[in-house]
Amino acid sequence: VIDHPHVGQITAETCLAPLDVAGREAERAALAAGSVGQSYPSYNWQGRQWAFPIDAASQVQAWRPDMLAAAPANWAE
């Protein structure tokens, strides 16, 4: 498990093998489609995919429809 800011260093030190091997394009496309924002491409370095996102630091929202008719549209609500 690595964090995306370290991809360049780890690849320069040859600690990882790229994960974009031929024949797995459909799986990589599904991972990219299911990732939040730019999580998937953040592990792409010098044209290769070196890791896959397993989490994302992103803003999320949840609400209880029995207590609030609609989700708040801004922070003030």
PDB file of N, CA and C in Angstrom:
ATOM      1  N   VAL A   1       0.856  -1.171   0.000  1.00  0.00           N
ATOM      2  CA  VAL A   1       0.000   0.000   0.000  1.00  0.00           C
ATOM      3  C   VAL A   1       0.898   1.228   0.000  1.00  0.00           C
ATOM      4  N   ILE A   2       0.675   2.114  -0.952  1.00  0.00           N
ATOM      5  CA  ILE A   2       1.442   3.353  -1.035  1.00  0.00           C
ATOM      6  C   ILE A   2       0.493   4.530  -1.177  1.00  0.00           C
ATOM      7  N   ASP A   3       0.983   5.699  -0.882  1.00  0.00           N
ATOM      8  CA  ASP A   3       0.218   6.921  -1.088  1.00  0.00           C
ATOM      9  C   ASP A   3       0.726   7.576  -2.364  1.00  0.00           C
ATOM     10  N   HIS A   4      -0.171   8.181  -3.132  1.00  0.00           N
ATOM     11  CA  HIS A   4       0.200   8.659  -4.461  1.00  0.00           C
ATOM     12  C   HIS A   4       1.367   9.644  -4.509  1.00  0.00           C
ATOM     13  N   PRO A   5       1.631  10.481  -3.487  1.00  0.00           N
ATOM     14  CA  PRO A   5       2.788  11.376  -3.606  1.00  0.00           C
ATOM     15  C   PRO A   5       4.131  10.648  -3.703  1.00  0.00           C
ATOM     16  N   HIS A   6       4.155   9.364  -3.352  1.00  0.00           N
ATOM     17  CA  HIS A   6       5.414   8.619  -3.349  1.00  0.00           C
ATOM     18  C   HIS A   6       5.642   7.794  -4.614  1.00  0.00           C
ATOM     19  N   VAL A   7       4.729   7.856  -5.570  1.00  0.00           N
ATOM     20  CA  VAL A   7       4.850   7.026  -6.770  1.00  0.00           C
ATOM     21  C   VAL A   7       6.152   7.301  -7.513  1.00  0.00           C
ATOM     22  N   GLY A   8       6.502   8.552  -7.713  1.00  0.00           N
ATOM     23  CA  GLY A   8       7.729   8.878  -8.439  1.00  0.00           C
ATOM     24  C   GLY A   8       8.963   8.312  -7.777  1.00  0.00           C
ATOM     25  N   GLN A   9       9.077   8.487  -6.483  1.00  0.00           N
ATOM     26  CA  GLN A   9      10.248   7.984  -5.751  1.00  0.00           C
ATOM     27  C   GLN A   9      10.310   6.460  -5.788  1.00  0.00           C
ATOM     28  N   ILE A  10       9.199   5.824  -5.554  1.00  0.00           N
ATOM     29  CA  ILE A  10       9.172   4.361  -5.506  1.00  0.00           C
ATOM     30  C   ILE A  10       9.502   3.762  -6.870  1.00  0.00           C
ATOM     31  N   THR A  11       9.014   4.379  -7.943  1.00  0.00           N
ATOM     32  CA  THR A  11       9.344   3.856  -9.272  1.00  0.00           C
ATOM     33  C   THR A  11      10.801   4.126  -9.617  1.00  0.00           C
ATOM     34  N   ALA A  12      11.334   5.263  -9.198  1.00  0.00           N
ATOM     35  CA  ALA A  12      12.747   5.568  -9.453  1.00  0.00           C
ATOM     36  C   ALA A  12      13.657   4.576  -8.741  1.00  0.00           C
ATOM     37  N   GLU A  13      13.226   4.093  -7.608  1.00  0.00           N
ATOM     38  CA  GLU A  13      14.018   3.127  -6.832  1.00  0.00           C
ATOM     39  C   GLU A  13      13.716   1.682  -7.226  1.00  0.00           C
ATOM     40  N   THR A  14      12.920   1.519  -8.267  1.00  0.00           N
ATOM     41  CA  THR A  14      12.507   0.203  -8.788  1.00  0.00           C
ATOM     42  C   THR A  14      11.956  -0.725  -7.706  1.00  0.00           C
ATOM     43  N   CYS A  15      11.130  -0.156  -6.848  1.00  0.00           N
ATOM     44  CA  CYS A  15      10.483  -0.944  -5.793  1.00  0.00           C
ATOM     45  C   CYS A  15       9.189  -1.590  -6.266  1.00  0.00           C
ATOM     46  N   LEU A  16       8.644  -1.126  -7.387  1.00  0.00           N
ATOM     47  CA  LEU A  16       7.378  -1.636  -7.903  1.00  0.00           C
ATOM     48  C   LEU A  16       7.512  -2.016  -9.369  1.00  0.00           C
ATOM     49  N   ALA A  17       6.682  -2.937  -9.790  1.00  0.00           N
ATOM     50  CA  ALA A  17       6.523  -3.239 -11.212  1.00  0.00           C
ATOM     51  C   ALA A  17       5.227  -2.573 -11.660  1.00  0.00           C
ATOM     52  N   PRO A  18       5.169  -2.045 -12.876  1.00  0.00           N
ATOM     53  CA  PRO A  18       3.933  -1.409 -13.334  1.00  0.00           C
ATOM     54  C   PRO A  18       2.790  -2.422 -13.418  1.00  0.00           C
ATOM     55  N   LEU A  19       1.577  -1.938 -13.168  1.00  0.00           N
ATOM     56  CA  LEU A  19       0.403  -2.817 -13.129  1.00  0.00           C
ATOM     57  C   LEU A  19      -0.422  -2.781 -14.411  1.00  0.00           C
ATOM     58  N   ASP A  20       0.030  -2.008 -15.389  1.00  0.00           N
ATOM     59  CA  ASP A  20      -0.743  -1.886 -16.623  1.00  0.00           C
ATOM     60  C   ASP A  20      -0.296  -2.920 -17.665  1.00  0.00           C
ATOM     61  N   VAL A  21      -0.361  -4.179 -17.280  1.00  0.00           N
ATOM     62  CA  VAL A  21       0.040  -5.269 -18.166  1.00  0.00           C
ATOM     63  C   VAL A  21      -1.023  -5.499 -19.238  1.00  0.00           C
ATOM     64  N   ALA A  22      -0.592  -5.974 -20.373  1.00  0.00           N
ATOM     65  CA  ALA A  22      -1.514  -6.246 -21.478  1.00  0.00           C
ATOM     66  C   ALA A  22      -2.524  -7.322 -21.088  1.00  0.00           C
ATOM     67  N   GLY A  23      -3.738  -7.183 -21.613  1.00  0.00           N
ATOM     68  CA  GLY A  23      -4.783  -8.165 -21.370  1.00  0.00           C
ATOM     69  C   GLY A  23      -5.664  -7.875 -20.173  1.00  0.00           C
ATOM     70  N   ARG A  24      -5.371  -6.819 -19.423  1.00  0.00           N
ATOM     71  CA  ARG A  24      -6.166  -6.491 -18.234  1.00  0.00           C
ATOM     72  C   ARG A  24      -6.821  -5.114 -18.371  1.00  0.00           C
ATOM     73  N   GLU A  25      -6.991  -4.658 -19.609  1.00  0.00           N
ATOM     74  CA  GLU A  25      -7.545  -3.325 -19.859  1.00  0.00           C
ATOM     75  C   GLU A  25      -8.948  -3.157 -19.285  1.00  0.00           C
ATOM     76  N   ALA A  26      -9.788  -4.175 -19.401  1.00  0.00           N
ATOM     77  CA  ALA A  26     -11.165  -4.074 -18.901  1.00  0.00           C
ATOM     78  C   ALA A  26     -11.191  -3.899 -17.386  1.00  0.00           C
ATOM     79  N   GLU A  27     -10.343  -4.634 -16.689  1.00  0.00           N
ATOM     80  CA  GLU A  27     -10.290  -4.507 -15.232  1.00  0.00           C
ATOM     81  C   GLU A  27      -9.802  -3.125 -14.818  1.00  0.00           C
ATOM     82  N   ARG A  28      -8.785  -2.620 -15.515  1.00  0.00           N
ATOM     83  CA  ARG A  28      -8.278  -1.285 -15.183  1.00  0.00           C
ATOM     84  C   ARG A  28      -9.317  -0.215 -15.490  1.00  0.00           C
ATOM     85  N   ALA A  29     -10.044  -0.367 -16.582  1.00  0.00           N
ATOM     86  CA  ALA A  29     -11.096   0.598 -16.917  1.00  0.00           C
ATOM     87  C   ALA A  29     -12.185   0.592 -15.852  1.00  0.00           C
ATOM     88  N   ALA A  30     -12.536  -0.583 -15.348  1.00  0.00           N
ATOM     89  CA  ALA A  30     -13.551  -0.673 -14.294  1.00  0.00           C
ATOM     90  C   ALA A  30     -13.060  -0.019 -13.007  1.00  0.00           C
ATOM     91  N   LEU A  31     -11.792  -0.230 -12.661  1.00  0.00           N
ATOM     92  CA  LEU A  31     -11.228   0.419 -11.476  1.00  0.00           C
ATOM     93  C   LEU A  31     -11.229   1.934 -11.633  1.00  0.00           C
ATOM     94  N   ALA A  32     -10.849   2.397 -12.802  1.00  0.00           N
ATOM     95  CA  ALA A  32     -10.825   3.842 -13.049  1.00  0.00           C
ATOM     96  C   ALA A  32     -12.228   4.430 -12.954  1.00  0.00           C
ATOM     97  N   ALA A  33     -13.214   3.740 -13.531  1.00  0.00           N
ATOM     98  CA  ALA A  33     -14.595   4.234 -13.514  1.00  0.00           C
ATOM     99  C   ALA A  33     -15.175   4.247 -12.107  1.00  0.00           C
ATOM    100  N   GLY A  34     -14.741   3.329 -11.260  1.00  0.00           N
ATOM    101  CA  GLY A  34     -15.270   3.244  -9.907  1.00  0.00           C
ATOM    102  C   GLY A  34     -14.508   4.052  -8.878  1.00  0.00           C
ATOM    103  N   SER A  35     -13.514   4.793  -9.313  1.00  0.00           N
ATOM    104  CA  SER A  35     -12.699   5.582  -8.387  1.00  0.00           C
ATOM    105  C   SER A  35     -13.250   6.994  -8.235  1.00  0.00           C
ATOM    106  N   VAL A  36     -13.007   7.582  -7.089  1.00  0.00           N
ATOM    107  CA  VAL A  36     -13.465   8.941  -6.806  1.00  0.00           C
ATOM    108  C   VAL A  36     -12.527   9.948  -7.457  1.00  0.00           C
ATOM    109  N   GLY A  37     -13.091  10.878  -8.207  1.00  0.00           N
ATOM    110  CA  GLY A  37     -12.315  11.981  -8.774  1.00  0.00           C
ATOM    111  C   GLY A  37     -11.074  11.531  -9.515  1.00  0.00           C
ATOM    112  N   GLN A  38      -9.948  12.090  -9.136  1.00  0.00           N
ATOM    113  CA  GLN A  38      -8.673  11.791  -9.783  1.00  0.00           C
ATOM    114  C   GLN A  38      -7.851  10.752  -9.022  1.00  0.00           C
ATOM    115  N   SER A  39      -8.500   9.924  -8.209  1.00  0.00           N
ATOM    116  CA  SER A  39      -7.769   8.912  -7.437  1.00  0.00           C
ATOM    117  C   SER A  39      -7.007   7.948  -8.336  1.00  0.00           C
ATOM    118  N   TYR A  40      -7.669   7.415  -9.353  1.00  0.00           N
ATOM    119  CA  TYR A  40      -7.015   6.435 -10.227  1.00  0.00           C
ATOM    120  C   TYR A  40      -5.827   7.036 -10.970  1.00  0.00           C
ATOM    121  N   PRO A  41      -5.988   8.152 -11.689  1.00  0.00           N
ATOM    122  CA  PRO A  41      -4.831   8.690 -12.420  1.00  0.00           C
ATOM    123  C   PRO A  41      -3.716   9.222 -11.526  1.00  0.00           C
ATOM    124  N   SER A  42      -3.974   9.413 -10.244  1.00  0.00           N
ATOM    125  CA  SER A  42      -2.909   9.906  -9.369  1.00  0.00           C
ATOM    126  C   SER A  42      -1.797   8.872  -9.193  1.00  0.00           C
ATOM    127  N   TYR A  43      -2.067   7.616  -9.541  1.00  0.00           N
ATOM    128  CA  TYR A  43      -1.052   6.566  -9.456  1.00  0.00           C
ATOM    129  C   TYR A  43      -0.409   6.276 -10.810  1.00  0.00           C
ATOM    130  N   ASN A  44      -0.700   7.112 -11.792  1.00  0.00           N
ATOM    131  CA  ASN A  44      -0.091   6.983 -13.108  1.00  0.00           C
ATOM    132  C   ASN A  44       1.119   7.899 -13.161  1.00  0.00           C
ATOM    133  N   TRP A  45       2.266   7.349 -13.513  1.00  0.00           N
ATOM    134  CA  TRP A  45       3.514   8.120 -13.539  1.00  0.00           C
ATOM    135  C   TRP A  45       4.286   7.755 -14.799  1.00  0.00           C
ATOM    136  N   GLN A  46       4.648   8.754 -15.554  1.00  0.00           N
ATOM    137  CA  GLN A  46       5.408   8.573 -16.789  1.00  0.00           C
ATOM    138  C   GLN A  46       4.750   7.557 -17.714  1.00  0.00           C
ATOM    139  N   GLY A  47       3.414   7.675 -17.819  1.00  0.00           N
ATOM    140  CA  GLY A  47       2.658   6.847 -18.745  1.00  0.00           C
ATOM    141  C   GLY A  47       2.376   5.423 -18.300  1.00  0.00           C
ATOM    142  N   ARG A  48       2.663   5.089 -17.059  1.00  0.00           N
ATOM    143  CA  ARG A  48       2.414   3.739 -16.545  1.00  0.00           C
ATOM    144  C   ARG A  48       1.568   3.809 -15.279  1.00  0.00           C
ATOM    145  N   GLN A  49       0.805   2.756 -15.024  1.00  0.00           N
ATOM    146  CA  GLN A  49      -0.024   2.672 -13.821  1.00  0.00           C
ATOM    147  C   GLN A  49       0.731   1.847 -12.786  1.00  0.00           C
ATOM    148  N   TRP A  50       1.122   2.485 -11.683  1.00  0.00           N
ATOM    149  CA  TRP A  50       1.979   1.844 -10.687  1.00  0.00           C
ATOM    150  C   TRP A  50       1.230   1.348  -9.455  1.00  0.00           C
ATOM    151  N   ALA A  51       0.023   1.806  -9.255  1.00  0.00           N
ATOM    152  CA  ALA A  51      -0.774   1.370  -8.105  1.00  0.00           C
ATOM    153  C   ALA A  51      -2.238   1.645  -8.420  1.00  0.00           C
ATOM    154  N   PHE A  52      -3.110   1.133  -7.582  1.00  0.00           N
ATOM    155  CA  PHE A  52      -4.544   1.362  -7.719  1.00  0.00           C
ATOM    156  C   PHE A  52      -5.065   2.007  -6.441  1.00  0.00           C
ATOM    157  N   PRO A  53      -6.040   2.894  -6.567  1.00  0.00           N
ATOM    158  CA  PRO A  53      -6.577   3.535  -5.365  1.00  0.00           C
ATOM    159  C   PRO A  53      -7.404   2.559  -4.543  1.00  0.00           C
ATOM    160  N   ILE A  54      -7.200   2.611  -3.243  1.00  0.00           N
ATOM    161  CA  ILE A  54      -7.995   1.769  -2.346  1.00  0.00           C
ATOM    162  C   ILE A  54      -8.845   2.620  -1.414  1.00  0.00           C
ATOM    163  N   ASP A  55      -8.630   3.919  -1.461  1.00  0.00           N
ATOM    164  CA  ASP A  55      -9.434   4.843  -0.670  1.00  0.00           C
ATOM    165  C   ASP A  55      -9.339   6.221  -1.316  1.00  0.00           C
ATOM    166  N   ALA A  56     -10.048   7.160  -0.774  1.00  0.00           N
ATOM    167  CA  ALA A  56      -9.987   8.530  -1.287  1.00  0.00           C
ATOM    168  C   ALA A  56     -10.290   9.491  -0.153  1.00  0.00           C
ATOM    169  N   ALA A  57      -9.535  10.542  -0.091  1.00  0.00           N
ATOM    170  CA  ALA A  57      -9.809  11.613   0.864  1.00  0.00           C
ATOM    171  C   ALA A  57     -10.692  12.620   0.133  1.00  0.00           C
ATOM    172  N   SER A  58     -11.976  12.508   0.324  1.00  0.00           N
ATOM    173  CA  SER A  58     -12.901  13.368  -0.409  1.00  0.00           C
ATOM    174  C   SER A  58     -14.058  13.785   0.493  1.00  0.00           C
ATOM    175  N   GLN A  59     -14.663  14.892   0.136  1.00  0.00           N
ATOM    176  CA  GLN A  59     -15.830  15.365   0.865  1.00  0.00           C
ATOM    177  C   GLN A  59     -17.029  14.497   0.497  1.00  0.00           C
ATOM    178  N   VAL A  60     -17.741  14.037   1.489  1.00  0.00           N
ATOM    179  CA  VAL A  60     -18.946  13.245   1.265  1.00  0.00           C
ATOM    180  C   VAL A  60     -20.072  13.804   2.130  1.00  0.00           C
ATOM    181  N   GLN A  61     -21.275  13.390   1.838  1.00  0.00           N
ATOM    182  CA  GLN A  61     -22.428  13.883   2.583  1.00  0.00           C
ATOM    183  C   GLN A  61     -23.441  12.757   2.754  1.00  0.00           C
ATOM    184  N   ALA A  62     -24.089  12.739   3.879  1.00  0.00           N
ATOM    185  CA  ALA A  62     -25.184  11.809   4.131  1.00  0.00           C
ATOM    186  C   ALA A  62     -26.265  12.572   4.888  1.00  0.00           C
ATOM    187  N   TRP A  63     -27.499  12.186   4.688  1.00  0.00           N
ATOM    188  CA  TRP A  63     -28.583  12.802   5.438  1.00  0.00           C
ATOM    189  C   TRP A  63     -29.699  11.797   5.619  1.00  0.00           C
ATOM    190  N   ARG A  64     -30.526  12.055   6.615  1.00  0.00           N
ATOM    191  CA  ARG A  64     -31.670  11.194   6.903  1.00  0.00           C
ATOM    192  C   ARG A  64     -32.917  11.838   6.321  1.00  0.00           C
ATOM    193  N   PRO A  65     -33.506  11.215   5.300  1.00  0.00           N
ATOM    194  CA  PRO A  65     -34.700  11.794   4.686  1.00  0.00           C
ATOM    195  C   PRO A  65     -35.887  11.887   5.639  1.00  0.00           C
ATOM    196  N   ASP A  66     -35.880  11.116   6.725  1.00  0.00           N
ATOM    197  CA  ASP A  66     -36.969  11.226   7.691  1.00  0.00           C
ATOM    198  C   ASP A  66     -36.822  12.477   8.561  1.00  0.00           C
ATOM    199  N   MET A  67     -35.638  13.113   8.529  1.00  0.00           N
ATOM    200  CA  MET A  67     -35.411  14.316   9.327  1.00  0.00           C
ATOM    201  C   MET A  67     -35.217  15.570   8.469  1.00  0.00           C
ATOM    202  N   LEU A  68     -34.909  15.385   7.199  1.00  0.00           N
ATOM    203  CA  LEU A  68     -34.640  16.502   6.302  1.00  0.00           C
ATOM    204  C   LEU A  68     -35.112  16.100   4.911  1.00  0.00           C
ATOM    205  N   ALA A  69     -35.964  16.900   4.307  1.00  0.00           N
ATOM    206  CA  ALA A  69     -36.583  16.528   3.031  1.00  0.00           C
ATOM    207  C   ALA A  69     -35.577  16.341   1.899  1.00  0.00           C
ATOM    208  N   ALA A  70     -34.549  17.179   1.862  1.00  0.00           N
ATOM    209  CA  ALA A  70     -33.556  17.094   0.787  1.00  0.00           C
ATOM    210  C   ALA A  70     -32.165  17.311   1.371  1.00  0.00           C
ATOM    211  N   ALA A  71     -31.196  16.838   0.654  1.00  0.00           N
ATOM    212  CA  ALA A  71     -29.809  17.039   1.087  1.00  0.00           C
ATOM    213  C   ALA A  71     -29.463  18.519   1.016  1.00  0.00           C
ATOM    214  N   PRO A  72     -28.713  19.035   1.976  1.00  0.00           N
ATOM    215  CA  PRO A  72     -28.281  20.430   1.917  1.00  0.00           C
ATOM    216  C   PRO A  72     -27.464  20.682   0.649  1.00  0.00           C
ATOM    217  N   ALA A  73     -27.648  21.846   0.053  1.00  0.00           N
ATOM    218  CA  ALA A  73     -26.946  22.193  -1.181  1.00  0.00           C
ATOM    219  C   ALA A  73     -25.670  22.986  -0.925  1.00  0.00           C
ATOM    220  N   ASN A  74     -25.521  23.531   0.304  1.00  0.00           N
ATOM    221  CA  ASN A  74     -24.317  24.304   0.620  1.00  0.00           C
ATOM    222  C   ASN A  74     -24.051  24.208   2.121  1.00  0.00           C
ATOM    223  N   TRP A  75     -22.898  24.737   2.556  1.00  0.00           N
ATOM    224  CA  TRP A  75     -22.509  24.626   3.964  1.00  0.00           C
ATOM    225  C   TRP A  75     -23.464  25.371   4.894  1.00  0.00           C
ATOM    226  N   ALA A  76     -24.049  26.467   4.436  1.00  0.00           N
ATOM    227  CA  ALA A  76     -24.945  27.261   5.281  1.00  0.00           C
ATOM    228  C   ALA A  76     -26.209  26.492   5.658  1.00  0.00           C
ATOM    229  N   GLU A  77     -26.660  25.618   4.800  1.00  0.00           N
ATOM    230  CA  GLU A  77     -27.873  24.836   5.079  1.00  0.00           C
ATOM    231  C   GLU A  77     -27.590  23.743   6.083  1.00  0.00           C
TER     232      GLU A  77
END
